[in-house]
Amino acid sequence: MTIKCLNWKESEGLNGTAAFCSVAAYGGKLTTGEAKSCGCTSLKREACMKAMIAGNGFGLVPEVYEEVAVTKNYLVKETAFGVAL
């Protein structure tokens, strides 16, 4: 199954095609604005997950989160280690 997305990657291996989302594979998160700009909707993520499970046996899709309030001159984003400036 071919997914038309900038972040969708497919590579041929000995056991067939391995397909994955490059954002999720490398632990990336998307803001709602970033997801909207690249077409990563909830329906698209569902289709990507189904394609990965069918081909690989498992799948990862990017986490989409809301932007945190702007404080002073920078945007505060939440990370796994706390708040990043």
N, C-alpha and C. Protein backbone atom coordinates (compact mmCIF):
# COMPACT_ATOMS: atom_id res chain seq x y z
N MET A 1 0.85 -1.18 0.00
CA MET A 1 0.00 0.00 0.00
C MET A 1 0.89 1.24 0.00
N THR A 2 0.69 2.12 -0.93
CA THR A 2 1.48 3.33 -1.01
C THR A 2 0.72 4.49 -0.39
N ILE A 3 1.37 5.18 0.51
CA ILE A 3 0.81 6.36 1.17
C ILE A 3 1.49 7.58 0.55
N LYS A 4 0.71 8.54 0.13
CA LYS A 4 1.26 9.76 -0.46
C LYS A 4 1.48 10.79 0.66
N CYS A 5 2.71 10.84 1.16
CA CYS A 5 3.06 11.75 2.25
C CYS A 5 4.56 12.02 2.18
N LEU A 6 4.98 13.21 2.56
CA LEU A 6 6.40 13.56 2.55
C LEU A 6 7.19 12.73 3.56
N ASN A 7 6.55 12.30 4.64
CA ASN A 7 7.24 11.58 5.70
C ASN A 7 7.17 10.07 5.55
N TRP A 8 6.46 9.56 4.55
CA TRP A 8 6.31 8.12 4.34
C TRP A 8 7.53 7.59 3.61
N LYS A 9 8.17 6.58 4.17
CA LYS A 9 9.37 5.99 3.56
C LYS A 9 9.13 4.49 3.37
N GLU A 10 9.61 3.98 2.26
CA GLU A 10 9.55 2.55 1.97
C GLU A 10 10.93 2.10 1.53
N SER A 11 11.34 0.95 2.04
CA SER A 11 12.62 0.39 1.61
C SER A 11 12.46 -1.10 1.40
N GLU A 12 13.15 -1.60 0.37
CA GLU A 12 13.09 -3.02 0.04
C GLU A 12 14.13 -3.77 0.86
N GLY A 13 13.70 -4.87 1.42
CA GLY A 13 14.60 -5.73 2.18
C GLY A 13 14.47 -7.17 1.72
N LEU A 14 15.17 -8.07 2.38
CA LEU A 14 15.11 -9.49 2.02
C LEU A 14 13.73 -10.07 2.27
N ASN A 15 13.03 -9.56 3.26
CA ASN A 15 11.71 -10.08 3.62
C ASN A 15 10.56 -9.27 3.02
N GLY A 16 10.86 -8.39 2.09
CA GLY A 16 9.82 -7.57 1.48
C GLY A 16 10.02 -6.10 1.77
N THR A 17 8.97 -5.35 1.62
CA THR A 17 9.04 -3.91 1.80
C THR A 17 8.80 -3.53 3.24
N ALA A 18 9.66 -2.68 3.77
CA ALA A 18 9.47 -2.11 5.11
C ALA A 18 9.02 -0.67 4.91
N ALA A 19 7.86 -0.33 5.43
CA ALA A 19 7.30 1.02 5.27
C ALA A 19 7.13 1.64 6.64
N PHE A 20 7.44 2.94 6.74
CA PHE A 20 7.33 3.62 8.02
C PHE A 20 7.17 5.12 7.85
N CYS A 21 6.73 5.77 8.90
CA CYS A 21 6.63 7.22 8.96
C CYS A 21 7.92 7.74 9.57
N SER A 22 8.67 8.55 8.84
CA SER A 22 9.98 9.00 9.33
C SER A 22 9.86 9.91 10.56
N VAL A 23 8.77 10.63 10.72
CA VAL A 23 8.59 11.47 11.90
C VAL A 23 8.45 10.60 13.14
N ALA A 24 7.59 9.61 13.09
CA ALA A 24 7.36 8.74 14.25
C ALA A 24 8.55 7.82 14.51
N ALA A 25 9.21 7.35 13.45
CA ALA A 25 10.32 6.42 13.61
C ALA A 25 11.47 7.03 14.39
N TYR A 26 11.67 8.32 14.25
CA TYR A 26 12.76 8.99 14.94
C TYR A 26 12.28 9.76 16.17
N GLY A 27 11.09 9.41 16.67
CA GLY A 27 10.59 9.99 17.91
C GLY A 27 10.09 11.41 17.82
N GLY A 28 9.73 11.86 16.63
CA GLY A 28 9.26 13.22 16.45
C GLY A 28 7.81 13.41 16.85
N LYS A 29 7.49 14.62 17.23
CA LYS A 29 6.11 15.01 17.52
C LYS A 29 5.77 16.17 16.60
N LEU A 30 4.50 16.32 16.32
CA LEU A 30 4.03 17.41 15.47
C LEU A 30 3.05 18.28 16.24
N THR A 31 3.14 19.58 16.04
CA THR A 31 2.11 20.46 16.57
C THR A 31 0.90 20.34 15.64
N THR A 32 -0.22 20.84 16.06
CA THR A 32 -1.41 20.76 15.21
C THR A 32 -1.18 21.52 13.90
N GLY A 33 -0.48 22.63 13.96
CA GLY A 33 -0.18 23.40 12.74
C GLY A 33 0.73 22.64 11.79
N GLU A 34 1.76 21.99 12.32
CA GLU A 34 2.68 21.21 11.49
C GLU A 34 1.95 20.02 10.86
N ALA A 35 1.11 19.37 11.64
CA ALA A 35 0.36 18.23 11.13
C ALA A 35 -0.59 18.65 10.02
N LYS A 36 -1.25 19.78 10.22
CA LYS A 36 -2.18 20.28 9.21
C LYS A 36 -1.44 20.65 7.92
N SER A 37 -0.27 21.26 8.06
CA SER A 37 0.46 21.72 6.88
C SER A 37 0.98 20.56 6.03
N CYS A 38 1.29 19.42 6.65
CA CYS A 38 1.78 18.28 5.86
C CYS A 38 0.68 17.26 5.58
N GLY A 39 -0.56 17.55 6.00
CA GLY A 39 -1.69 16.67 5.69
C GLY A 39 -1.81 15.47 6.60
N CYS A 40 -1.24 15.54 7.79
CA CYS A 40 -1.26 14.43 8.74
C CYS A 40 -2.51 14.54 9.61
N THR A 41 -3.63 14.12 9.07
CA THR A 41 -4.89 14.16 9.81
C THR A 41 -5.09 12.86 10.57
N SER A 42 -6.08 12.82 11.42
CA SER A 42 -6.32 11.59 12.19
C SER A 42 -6.71 10.44 11.28
N LEU A 43 -7.46 10.71 10.22
CA LEU A 43 -7.81 9.66 9.26
C LEU A 43 -6.59 9.16 8.50
N LYS A 44 -5.70 10.08 8.14
CA LYS A 44 -4.47 9.71 7.43
C LYS A 44 -3.56 8.88 8.34
N ARG A 45 -3.46 9.27 9.63
CA ARG A 45 -2.65 8.50 10.58
C ARG A 45 -3.21 7.10 10.76
N GLU A 46 -4.54 6.98 10.75
CA GLU A 46 -5.17 5.66 10.87
C GLU A 46 -4.83 4.79 9.65
N ALA A 47 -4.89 5.37 8.45
CA ALA A 47 -4.55 4.62 7.23
C ALA A 47 -3.07 4.22 7.24
N CYS A 48 -2.21 5.12 7.70
CA CYS A 48 -0.78 4.81 7.78
C CYS A 48 -0.52 3.68 8.77
N MET A 49 -1.18 3.73 9.91
CA MET A 49 -1.01 2.69 10.92
C MET A 49 -1.45 1.33 10.37
N LYS A 50 -2.58 1.29 9.67
CA LYS A 50 -3.06 0.04 9.08
C LYS A 50 -2.07 -0.50 8.06
N ALA A 51 -1.50 0.37 7.24
CA ALA A 51 -0.53 -0.06 6.23
C ALA A 51 0.73 -0.60 6.88
N MET A 52 1.20 0.05 7.94
CA MET A 52 2.41 -0.42 8.62
C MET A 52 2.17 -1.75 9.32
N ILE A 53 1.02 -1.91 9.96
CA ILE A 53 0.71 -3.17 10.64
C ILE A 53 0.58 -4.30 9.64
N ALA A 54 -0.03 -4.03 8.50
CA ALA A 54 -0.18 -5.06 7.48
C ALA A 54 1.17 -5.48 6.90
N GLY A 55 2.07 -4.54 6.71
CA GLY A 55 3.35 -4.85 6.10
C GLY A 55 4.43 -5.26 7.08
N ASN A 56 4.49 -4.60 8.23
CA ASN A 56 5.58 -4.81 9.18
C ASN A 56 5.19 -5.63 10.40
N GLY A 57 3.91 -5.66 10.71
CA GLY A 57 3.47 -6.32 11.93
C GLY A 57 3.33 -5.37 13.09
N PHE A 58 3.78 -4.14 12.95
CA PHE A 58 3.64 -3.10 13.97
C PHE A 58 3.70 -1.75 13.27
N GLY A 59 3.40 -0.70 13.99
CA GLY A 59 3.44 0.62 13.39
C GLY A 59 3.55 1.72 14.42
N LEU A 60 4.05 2.85 14.00
CA LEU A 60 4.15 4.05 14.82
C LEU A 60 3.67 5.24 14.00
N VAL A 61 2.84 6.06 14.59
CA VAL A 61 2.42 7.30 13.95
C VAL A 61 2.82 8.45 14.87
N PRO A 62 3.05 9.63 14.31
CA PRO A 62 3.50 10.75 15.14
C PRO A 62 2.43 11.20 16.13
N GLU A 63 2.89 11.66 17.28
CA GLU A 63 2.00 12.24 18.28
C GLU A 63 1.76 13.70 17.91
N VAL A 64 0.51 14.10 17.90
CA VAL A 64 0.16 15.48 17.58
C VAL A 64 -0.29 16.14 18.88
N TYR A 65 0.31 17.30 19.18
CA TYR A 65 -0.01 17.99 20.42
C TYR A 65 -0.31 19.46 20.16
N GLU A 66 -0.96 20.05 21.12
CA GLU A 66 -1.29 21.48 21.05
C GLU A 66 -0.06 22.29 21.46
N GLU A 67 0.13 23.43 20.83
CA GLU A 67 1.23 24.31 21.23
C GLU A 67 0.93 24.92 22.58
N VAL A 68 1.98 25.09 23.36
CA VAL A 68 1.86 25.69 24.68
C VAL A 68 1.93 27.20 24.52
N ALA A 69 1.39 27.92 25.46
CA ALA A 69 1.30 29.38 25.38
C ALA A 69 2.68 30.03 25.17
N VAL A 70 2.69 31.11 24.41
CA VAL A 70 3.91 31.87 24.17
C VAL A 70 4.19 32.72 25.40
N THR A 71 5.42 32.59 25.89
CA THR A 71 5.85 33.36 27.05
C THR A 71 7.02 34.22 26.64
N LYS A 72 6.92 35.50 26.84
CA LYS A 72 7.95 36.47 26.45
C LYS A 72 8.24 36.38 24.96
N ASN A 73 9.50 36.15 24.58
CA ASN A 73 9.87 36.13 23.17
C ASN A 73 10.12 34.74 22.62
N TYR A 74 9.73 33.71 23.34
CA TYR A 74 9.98 32.36 22.87
C TYR A 74 8.77 31.48 23.11
N LEU A 75 8.72 30.37 22.39
CA LEU A 75 7.63 29.42 22.50
C LEU A 75 8.07 28.28 23.40
N VAL A 76 7.31 28.01 24.44
CA VAL A 76 7.64 26.94 25.37
C VAL A 76 7.00 25.65 24.84
N LYS A 77 7.82 24.61 24.67
CA LYS A 77 7.31 23.32 24.21
C LYS A 77 7.64 22.27 25.25
N GLU A 78 6.71 21.35 25.44
CA GLU A 78 6.92 20.27 26.39
C GLU A 78 7.69 19.14 25.72
N THR A 79 8.69 18.60 26.40
CA THR A 79 9.45 17.46 25.89
C THR A 79 9.39 16.33 26.90
N ALA A 80 10.03 15.24 26.60
CA ALA A 80 10.07 14.10 27.51
C ALA A 80 10.86 14.41 28.77
N PHE A 81 11.76 15.39 28.70
CA PHE A 81 12.59 15.74 29.83
C PHE A 81 12.10 16.97 30.58
N GLY A 82 10.93 17.45 30.24
CA GLY A 82 10.39 18.64 30.90
C GLY A 82 10.08 19.70 29.86
N VAL A 83 10.32 20.94 30.23
CA VAL A 83 10.00 22.05 29.34
C VAL A 83 11.28 22.50 28.65
N ALA A 84 11.23 22.63 27.33
CA ALA A 84 12.37 23.12 26.55
C ALA A 84 12.10 24.57 26.17
N LEU A 85 13.13 25.35 26.17
CA LEU A 85 12.97 26.77 25.81
C LEU A 85 13.44 27.00 24.41
